[in-house]
Amino acid sequence: MEAIVISGMSASGKTTLASTLSRHFGIPVLGGSDILKQMAIERGYKPGGETWWDTAEGMRFLAERQKDPEFDKETDRRMRVAVEAGNVIVTSYTAPWIIRAGFKIWLSASQKTRAERMAKRDGTTVEETIAVIRKRDEENRKLYKNLYNIDFGNDLKPFDLVVETDDEEEEAVTAIAIKELTDRGMMK
């Protein structure tokens, strides 16, 4: 079975959709952050939980990563192997642009909606979280433009399906994806 590749800005619903599709279709999930965390462990860090990236240690690792483009290239190399093998759901910022294989889904959401979701998940205020999201968005845009000349968040040509998630509940987004995958004969 072809891989499913889910992308979108931070807190757009990638992990949530990947998890529900995984349960529905019975296939594993692999995230770009999973690979980065494995690489962090290989370098002596101790990552844990979704919010680790926002801790002092997580920020140190991300700063180290930003100084060395090989981090992201190695992450993407490992991701390519998984996507090309198929039978996996992948969440990734870059895979849709640099890997031909896979059914690609973009989840779109406003900064406000993403900040509300992240604040609820992380127990912070929306105002604090908007600042984090703006910083992440800008850093990701710069990083992927420099590494691969990707217009991250604006160029949606690689995607087979684009879903606006601002006004959709988790179940509705999942239903849209399942219907599209089923209609295209990718899943039963």
Protein backbone atom coordinates (compact mmCIF):
# COMPACT_ATOMS: atom_id res chain seq x y z
CA MET A 1 0.00 0.00 0.00
CA GLU A 2 1.21 3.51 -0.84
CA ALA A 3 2.30 5.71 2.06
CA ILE A 4 0.10 8.56 3.27
CA VAL A 5 2.06 11.77 3.82
CA ILE A 6 0.44 14.48 5.96
CA SER A 7 1.83 18.00 6.13
CA GLY A 8 0.78 21.41 7.39
CA MET A 9 1.96 24.18 9.66
CA SER A 10 2.50 23.43 13.37
CA ALA A 11 -0.73 22.59 15.26
CA SER A 12 -2.75 22.20 12.04
CA GLY A 13 -3.85 18.68 13.04
CA LYS A 14 -1.20 16.47 11.39
CA THR A 15 -0.60 14.20 14.38
CA THR A 16 -4.30 13.94 15.18
CA LEU A 17 -5.22 12.96 11.61
CA ALA A 18 -2.30 10.54 11.37
CA SER A 19 -3.35 8.84 14.62
CA THR A 20 -6.99 8.46 13.60
CA LEU A 21 -6.07 7.17 10.12
CA SER A 22 -3.61 4.77 11.74
CA ARG A 23 -6.34 3.33 13.97
CA HIS A 24 -8.83 3.20 11.10
CA PHE A 25 -6.55 1.51 8.55
CA GLY A 26 -4.28 -0.38 10.98
CA ILE A 27 -0.99 1.03 9.68
CA PRO A 28 1.83 2.68 11.67
CA VAL A 29 2.64 6.38 11.96
CA LEU A 30 6.10 7.90 11.58
CA GLY A 31 6.69 11.60 12.14
CA GLY A 32 9.57 13.80 11.11
CA SER A 33 9.78 14.71 14.78
CA ASP A 34 10.16 10.99 15.63
CA ILE A 35 13.20 10.81 13.39
CA LEU A 36 14.62 14.08 14.78
CA LYS A 37 14.11 12.78 18.33
CA GLN A 38 15.98 9.60 17.41
CA MET A 39 18.80 11.75 16.06
CA ALA A 40 18.72 13.81 19.28
CA ILE A 41 19.09 10.60 21.31
CA GLU A 42 22.03 9.61 19.09
CA ARG A 43 23.62 12.94 20.11
CA GLY A 44 23.02 12.45 23.85
CA TYR A 45 19.77 14.41 24.33
CA LYS A 46 16.82 13.00 26.27
CA PRO A 47 13.69 13.99 24.32
CA GLY A 48 10.29 13.16 25.72
CA GLY A 49 6.73 14.18 24.92
CA GLU A 50 5.27 16.47 22.30
CA THR A 51 6.26 19.63 24.18
CA TRP A 52 9.95 18.67 24.46
CA TRP A 53 10.73 20.93 21.47
CA ASP A 54 9.69 23.95 23.56
CA THR A 55 11.91 23.04 26.55
CA ALA A 56 15.39 24.48 27.07
CA GLU A 57 16.97 21.18 25.97
CA GLY A 58 14.69 20.94 22.93
CA MET A 59 15.54 24.51 21.93
CA ARG A 60 19.29 23.72 22.27
CA PHE A 61 18.87 20.75 19.94
CA LEU A 62 16.90 22.86 17.47
CA ALA A 63 19.61 25.52 17.57
CA GLU A 64 22.24 22.83 16.88
CA ARG A 65 20.06 21.54 14.05
CA GLN A 66 19.76 25.02 12.50
CA LYS A 67 23.55 25.36 12.35
CA ASP A 68 23.95 22.11 10.41
CA PRO A 69 21.78 21.47 7.32
CA GLU A 70 22.84 17.82 7.42
CA PHE A 71 20.39 17.26 10.32
CA ASP A 72 17.42 17.92 8.08
CA LYS A 73 18.91 16.18 5.08
CA GLU A 74 19.49 13.05 7.18
CA THR A 75 15.96 13.28 8.59
CA ASP A 76 14.59 13.54 5.07
CA ARG A 77 16.77 10.66 3.86
CA ARG A 78 15.35 8.43 6.60
CA MET A 79 11.83 9.68 5.83
CA ARG A 80 12.26 8.92 2.11
CA VAL A 81 13.14 5.30 2.91
CA ALA A 82 9.95 4.93 4.97
CA VAL A 83 7.68 6.61 2.42
CA GLU A 84 9.07 4.65 -0.52
CA ALA A 85 8.57 1.39 1.39
CA GLY A 86 4.87 2.25 1.81
CA ASN A 87 2.35 0.95 4.32
CA VAL A 88 2.99 3.87 6.68
CA ILE A 89 1.42 7.21 7.56
CA VAL A 90 4.03 9.94 7.71
CA THR A 91 3.79 13.43 9.16
CA SER A 92 6.43 15.69 7.68
CA TYR A 93 7.02 19.31 6.82
CA THR A 94 9.19 18.58 3.78
CA ALA A 95 8.37 15.11 2.41
CA PRO A 96 5.59 16.23 0.05
CA TRP A 97 8.01 18.43 -1.89
CA ILE A 98 11.06 16.18 -1.95
CA ILE A 99 9.60 12.66 -2.21
CA ARG A 100 7.51 11.62 -5.19
CA ALA A 101 5.90 8.60 -3.53
CA GLY A 102 2.86 8.71 -1.29
CA PHE A 103 -0.62 10.21 -1.17
CA LYS A 104 -0.09 13.75 0.13
CA ILE A 105 -2.49 15.65 2.38
CA TRP A 106 -2.06 19.32 3.41
CA LEU A 107 -3.92 20.51 6.51
CA SER A 108 -4.56 24.23 6.52
CA ALA A 109 -5.47 26.32 9.58
CA SER A 110 -5.14 29.95 10.60
CA GLN A 111 -2.54 31.08 13.14
CA LYS A 112 -5.35 31.86 15.59
CA THR A 113 -6.87 28.37 15.35
CA ARG A 114 -3.46 26.73 15.61
CA ALA A 115 -2.58 28.86 18.65
CA GLU A 116 -5.86 27.94 20.35
CA ARG A 117 -5.20 24.23 19.75
CA MET A 118 -1.61 24.42 20.95
CA ALA A 119 -2.53 26.48 24.03
CA LYS A 120 -5.18 23.94 25.00
CA ARG A 121 -2.78 21.03 24.45
CA ASP A 122 0.15 22.66 26.26
CA GLY A 123 -1.74 24.48 29.02
CA THR A 124 -0.54 27.93 27.95
CA THR A 125 -2.33 31.11 26.92
CA VAL A 126 -3.31 31.79 23.32
CA GLU A 127 -1.23 34.98 23.38
CA GLU A 128 1.92 33.09 24.45
CA THR A 129 1.28 30.42 21.89
CA ILE A 130 0.74 32.84 19.00
CA ALA A 131 4.29 34.09 19.57
CA VAL A 132 5.62 30.50 19.51
CA ILE A 133 3.69 29.69 16.33
CA ARG A 134 4.87 32.83 14.55
CA LYS A 135 8.46 32.00 15.44
CA ARG A 136 8.11 28.36 14.32
CA ASP A 137 6.39 29.36 11.07
CA GLU A 138 9.10 31.87 10.20
CA GLU A 139 11.95 29.51 11.14
CA ASN A 140 10.41 26.65 9.14
CA ARG A 141 9.84 28.85 6.09
CA LYS A 142 13.45 30.08 6.16
CA LEU A 143 14.90 26.64 6.82
CA TYR A 144 13.03 24.84 4.03
CA LYS A 145 13.57 27.69 1.59
CA ASN A 146 17.31 27.52 2.26
CA LEU A 147 17.54 23.72 2.20
CA TYR A 148 15.24 22.86 -0.70
CA ASN A 149 13.84 26.10 -2.12
CA ILE A 150 10.39 25.11 -0.79
CA ASP A 151 7.78 27.84 -0.41
CA PHE A 152 6.49 26.15 2.74
CA GLY A 153 2.86 26.91 3.48
CA ASN A 154 2.25 28.60 0.14
CA ASP A 155 3.13 26.06 -2.58
CA LEU A 156 0.44 23.40 -2.39
CA LYS A 157 1.08 21.83 -5.82
CA PRO A 158 2.50 18.55 -4.43
CA PHE A 159 -0.73 17.73 -2.56
CA ASP A 160 -3.42 15.27 -3.60
CA LEU A 161 -5.81 16.65 -0.96
CA VAL A 162 -5.97 20.01 0.85
CA VAL A 163 -8.26 20.25 3.88
CA GLU A 164 -9.11 23.51 5.66
CA THR A 165 -9.34 22.56 9.35
CA ASP A 166 -10.32 25.88 10.98
CA ASP A 167 -14.04 25.12 11.10
CA GLU A 168 -13.88 21.33 10.96
CA GLU A 169 -13.99 18.96 13.90
CA GLU A 170 -11.41 16.17 14.08
CA GLU A 171 -13.98 13.58 12.98
CA ALA A 172 -14.95 15.60 9.88
CA VAL A 173 -11.33 16.02 8.77
CA THR A 174 -10.77 12.29 9.23
CA ALA A 175 -13.96 11.49 7.26
CA ILE A 176 -12.80 13.72 4.37
CA ALA A 177 -9.43 11.95 4.24
CA ILE A 178 -10.91 8.45 4.51
CA LYS A 179 -13.43 9.17 1.75
CA GLU A 180 -10.73 10.52 -0.58
CA LEU A 181 -8.39 7.60 0.11
CA THR A 182 -11.20 5.09 -0.36
CA ASP A 183 -12.59 6.80 -3.50
CA ARG A 184 -9.12 6.67 -5.06
CA GLY A 185 -8.90 2.95 -4.31
CA MET A 186 -5.97 3.35 -1.93
CA MET A 187 -7.75 1.91 1.11
CA LYS A 188 -10.62 -0.41 1.73
